[in-house]
Amino acid sequence: MDKFFTYFEAPGRDNTAQTLELAYDRARELEIDEVVVASSTGHTAYKAMEMFKGVRIVAVTYHCGFKEPFTKSMKEEVRKDLEEEGVRVIEATHALSGVERGIAKKHGGSYPALIMADTLRMLGQGTKVGVEITIMAADGGALSGSDVIAIGGTGRGADTALVVKPAHQTNVFDLRVREIICKPRNF
C-alpha cells in the first residue's frame, strides 16, 4: 500500500460515505470478499450494499433488549429486506461486554472483557466496534476465517474501517487488526 490511512477530524455519521469508499477500495486492493458492518437500524448496511456489490456483507446489530427490554434495535421488516438482498444479519450480545456489563452494574468492579473494550476505545469507539462485530460475526457462523473489512462507528453511521483477521470469542487473542484504513483523529 503506497498511501497512509485516512484520519477524520471528528467522529460520526458524516464520515460514512468516505469510510465505505475507502474500505471498498482497500477490499479490492487486497481481494477481500467479506465485509462486516455495524448497523443498528439498517441504514449503514444499506449504504454498504450500494458500495460493496458482489461482496459478502454481514451486518451486526445490537442484541434484543440492548436499549429497551425485549425490544429489537433493527426493525424486523428491515432485517428481512436486508436478508432478501443477500446481507447476513447477526443480532448478538456484545462480545466485549455481555454478561460482564450486567455484573459490573450490579456489583461494581473491573472485568477482563470490559477492560479490553476500554483499551480498544483508546483508538476510538469505531475501532472497538470493528473488533467486536468481527468477533460477533465469527461466533454467529457468518465468516469464513479469511481477512475481512470491519466497519464501525461512533454513535450512528461509520467512521472507522479496519482489515481484520477474525477469531471467535474462545480464541479472541488470535484476532489481528492488520490495518487501520480510516478512523477519527479527534474523539
Protein backbone atom coordinates (compact mmCIF):
# COMPACT_ATOMS: atom_id res chain seq x y z
CA MET A 1 0.00 0.00 0.00
CA ASP A 2 1.53 3.32 -1.00
CA LYS A 3 -0.68 5.63 0.99
CA PHE A 4 -1.24 6.21 4.65
CA PHE A 5 -4.58 5.62 6.25
CA THR A 6 -7.09 8.46 6.46
CA TYR A 7 -7.86 10.47 9.57
CA PHE A 8 -11.18 12.24 10.01
CA GLU A 9 -11.14 15.43 12.07
CA ALA A 10 -14.24 14.39 14.02
CA PRO A 11 -16.10 11.12 14.62
CA GLY A 12 -19.61 10.34 13.46
CA ARG A 13 -22.02 9.67 10.65
CA ASP A 14 -20.77 12.48 8.41
CA ASN A 15 -17.85 10.17 7.58
CA THR A 16 -20.00 7.23 6.48
CA ALA A 17 -19.75 7.68 2.70
CA GLN A 18 -15.99 8.26 2.71
CA THR A 19 -15.42 5.39 5.18
CA LEU A 20 -17.30 2.99 2.89
CA GLU A 21 -15.42 4.25 -0.20
CA LEU A 22 -12.03 3.83 1.46
CA ALA A 23 -13.00 0.39 2.76
CA TYR A 24 -14.23 -0.69 -0.66
CA ASP A 25 -11.01 0.48 -2.35
CA ARG A 26 -8.87 -1.41 0.17
CA ALA A 27 -11.01 -4.54 -0.10
CA ARG A 28 -10.46 -4.53 -3.86
CA GLU A 29 -6.70 -3.98 -3.47
CA LEU A 30 -6.43 -6.90 -1.04
CA GLU A 31 -9.05 -9.06 -2.79
CA ILE A 32 -11.11 -9.30 0.40
CA ASP A 33 -14.64 -10.50 -0.27
CA GLU A 34 -16.18 -10.30 3.22
CA VAL A 35 -17.31 -7.12 4.93
CA VAL A 36 -18.64 -6.85 8.48
CA VAL A 37 -20.57 -3.67 9.21
CA ALA A 38 -22.15 -2.39 12.41
CA SER A 39 -25.74 -1.38 11.74
CA SER A 40 -28.35 -0.95 14.45
CA THR A 41 -31.17 0.37 12.25
CA GLY A 42 -30.06 -0.94 8.84
CA HIS A 43 -29.04 2.45 7.46
CA THR A 44 -25.30 1.72 7.29
CA ALA A 45 -25.95 -1.80 5.99
CA TYR A 46 -27.98 -0.38 3.09
CA LYS A 47 -25.18 2.07 2.30
CA ALA A 48 -22.66 -0.79 2.36
CA MET A 49 -24.90 -2.79 -0.01
CA GLU A 50 -24.75 0.07 -2.54
CA MET A 51 -20.96 0.20 -2.38
CA PHE A 52 -19.93 -3.46 -1.98
CA LYS A 53 -21.67 -5.15 -4.90
CA GLY A 54 -20.59 -8.78 -5.26
CA VAL A 55 -19.06 -8.89 -1.78
CA ARG A 56 -20.48 -10.88 1.11
CA ILE A 57 -21.85 -8.42 3.67
CA VAL A 58 -22.56 -9.24 7.29
CA ALA A 59 -24.50 -6.62 9.26
CA VAL A 60 -24.14 -6.90 13.02
CA THR A 61 -26.74 -5.28 15.25
CA TYR A 62 -27.40 -4.97 18.96
CA HIS A 63 -28.91 -7.85 20.90
CA CYS A 64 -32.59 -7.69 21.76
CA GLY A 65 -33.05 -5.59 24.90
CA PHE A 66 -29.88 -3.53 24.45
CA LYS A 67 -31.71 -0.20 24.60
CA GLU A 68 -35.10 -1.26 25.91
CA PRO A 69 -36.12 -4.63 27.42
CA PHE A 70 -37.49 -7.13 24.88
CA THR A 71 -37.19 -4.63 22.02
CA LYS A 72 -35.03 -5.09 18.93
CA SER A 73 -32.98 -2.20 17.53
CA MET A 74 -33.39 -3.27 13.91
CA LYS A 75 -36.97 -3.48 12.74
CA GLU A 76 -37.99 -6.93 11.53
CA GLU A 77 -39.01 -5.65 8.09
CA VAL A 78 -35.57 -4.04 7.65
CA ARG A 79 -33.85 -7.26 8.68
CA LYS A 80 -35.97 -9.31 6.25
CA ASP A 81 -35.31 -6.85 3.43
CA LEU A 82 -31.55 -6.90 4.02
CA GLU A 83 -31.54 -10.70 4.13
CA GLU A 84 -33.57 -10.88 0.90
CA GLU A 85 -30.87 -8.68 -0.66
CA GLY A 86 -28.21 -11.18 0.45
CA VAL A 87 -26.95 -9.45 3.59
CA ARG A 88 -26.44 -11.78 6.56
CA VAL A 89 -27.78 -10.12 9.69
CA ILE A 90 -26.32 -11.10 13.06
CA GLU A 91 -28.12 -9.98 16.21
CA ALA A 92 -25.95 -10.87 19.18
CA THR A 93 -24.76 -9.91 22.63
CA HIS A 94 -21.77 -7.59 22.55
CA ALA A 95 -18.66 -9.72 22.52
CA LEU A 96 -16.70 -7.27 24.68
CA SER A 97 -19.25 -6.74 27.42
CA GLY A 98 -22.16 -9.17 27.55
CA VAL A 99 -22.82 -10.58 31.00
CA GLU A 100 -19.82 -8.73 32.44
CA ARG A 101 -21.56 -5.37 31.97
CA GLY A 102 -24.55 -6.63 33.96
CA ILE A 103 -22.31 -7.88 36.77
CA ALA A 104 -20.35 -4.61 36.82
CA LYS A 105 -23.58 -2.57 37.00
CA LYS A 106 -24.86 -4.57 39.94
CA HIS A 107 -21.66 -5.33 41.85
CA GLY A 108 -19.06 -2.91 40.53
CA GLY A 109 -15.52 -3.92 39.77
CA SER A 110 -13.42 -4.45 36.70
CA TYR A 111 -13.74 -7.35 34.32
CA PRO A 112 -11.42 -8.52 31.52
CA ALA A 113 -13.76 -8.03 28.55
CA LEU A 114 -14.71 -4.54 29.73
CA ILE A 115 -11.03 -3.68 30.12
CA MET A 116 -10.38 -4.96 26.59
CA ALA A 117 -13.22 -2.79 25.27
CA ASP A 118 -11.91 0.30 27.04
CA THR A 119 -8.39 -0.39 25.77
CA LEU A 120 -9.65 -0.59 22.18
CA ARG A 121 -11.56 2.68 22.71
CA MET A 122 -8.16 4.33 23.17
CA LEU A 123 -8.03 4.08 19.36
CA GLY A 124 -11.63 5.30 19.06
CA GLN A 125 -15.10 3.87 19.52
CA GLY A 126 -15.22 2.69 15.91
CA THR A 127 -12.09 0.59 16.41
CA LYS A 128 -13.66 -1.14 19.40
CA VAL A 129 -16.85 -1.67 17.40
CA GLY A 130 -14.96 -3.06 14.39
CA VAL A 131 -13.16 -5.64 16.51
CA GLU A 132 -16.31 -6.52 18.45
CA ILE A 133 -18.59 -7.02 15.43
CA THR A 134 -15.96 -9.21 13.80
CA ILE A 135 -15.98 -11.48 16.85
CA MET A 136 -19.80 -11.49 16.89
CA ALA A 137 -19.97 -12.33 13.17
CA ALA A 138 -17.44 -15.15 13.63
CA ASP A 139 -19.39 -16.56 16.56
CA GLY A 140 -22.59 -16.28 14.50
CA GLY A 141 -21.09 -18.54 11.84
CA ALA A 142 -21.12 -15.80 9.20
CA LEU A 143 -17.40 -15.68 8.35
CA SER A 144 -15.01 -17.96 6.52
CA GLY A 145 -11.95 -17.18 8.67
CA SER A 146 -10.22 -15.15 5.97
CA ASP A 147 -9.39 -11.48 6.46
CA VAL A 148 -12.41 -9.16 6.49
CA ILE A 149 -13.06 -5.46 6.26
CA ALA A 150 -14.70 -4.38 9.54
CA ILE A 151 -16.64 -1.12 9.55
CA GLY A 152 -17.73 0.54 12.77
CA GLY A 153 -18.54 3.96 14.06
CA THR A 154 -19.09 6.36 16.88
CA GLY A 155 -22.80 6.61 17.56
CA ARG A 156 -24.61 6.43 14.23
CA GLY A 157 -23.01 5.81 10.85
CA ALA A 158 -19.47 4.70 10.12
CA ASP A 159 -16.17 6.44 10.76
CA THR A 160 -13.71 3.55 11.10
CA ALA A 161 -12.64 0.77 8.75
CA LEU A 162 -10.16 -1.98 9.57
CA VAL A 163 -8.64 -5.03 7.93
CA VAL A 164 -9.11 -7.81 10.47
CA LYS A 165 -8.15 -11.46 10.74
CA PRO A 166 -11.25 -12.74 12.58
CA ALA A 167 -11.42 -15.01 15.60
CA HIS A 168 -14.12 -16.41 17.86
CA GLN A 169 -14.58 -15.29 21.47
CA THR A 170 -12.97 -18.52 22.64
CA ASN A 171 -9.79 -17.60 20.71
CA VAL A 172 -10.07 -13.80 20.98
CA PHE A 173 -6.32 -13.26 21.22
CA ASP A 174 -5.88 -14.83 17.79
CA LEU A 175 -7.77 -11.89 16.25
CA ARG A 176 -5.48 -9.48 14.42
CA VAL A 177 -6.13 -5.90 13.37
CA ARG A 178 -3.94 -5.99 10.29
CA GLU A 179 -4.62 -2.44 9.09
CA ILE A 180 -6.45 0.71 10.03
CA ILE A 181 -7.93 2.07 6.82
CA CYS A 182 -9.52 5.14 8.40
CA LYS A 183 -10.59 6.48 11.79
CA PRO A 184 -11.32 9.75 13.54
CA ARG A 185 -8.27 11.65 14.76
CA ASN A 186 -10.21 13.60 17.38
CA PHE A 187 -12.64 11.63 19.50
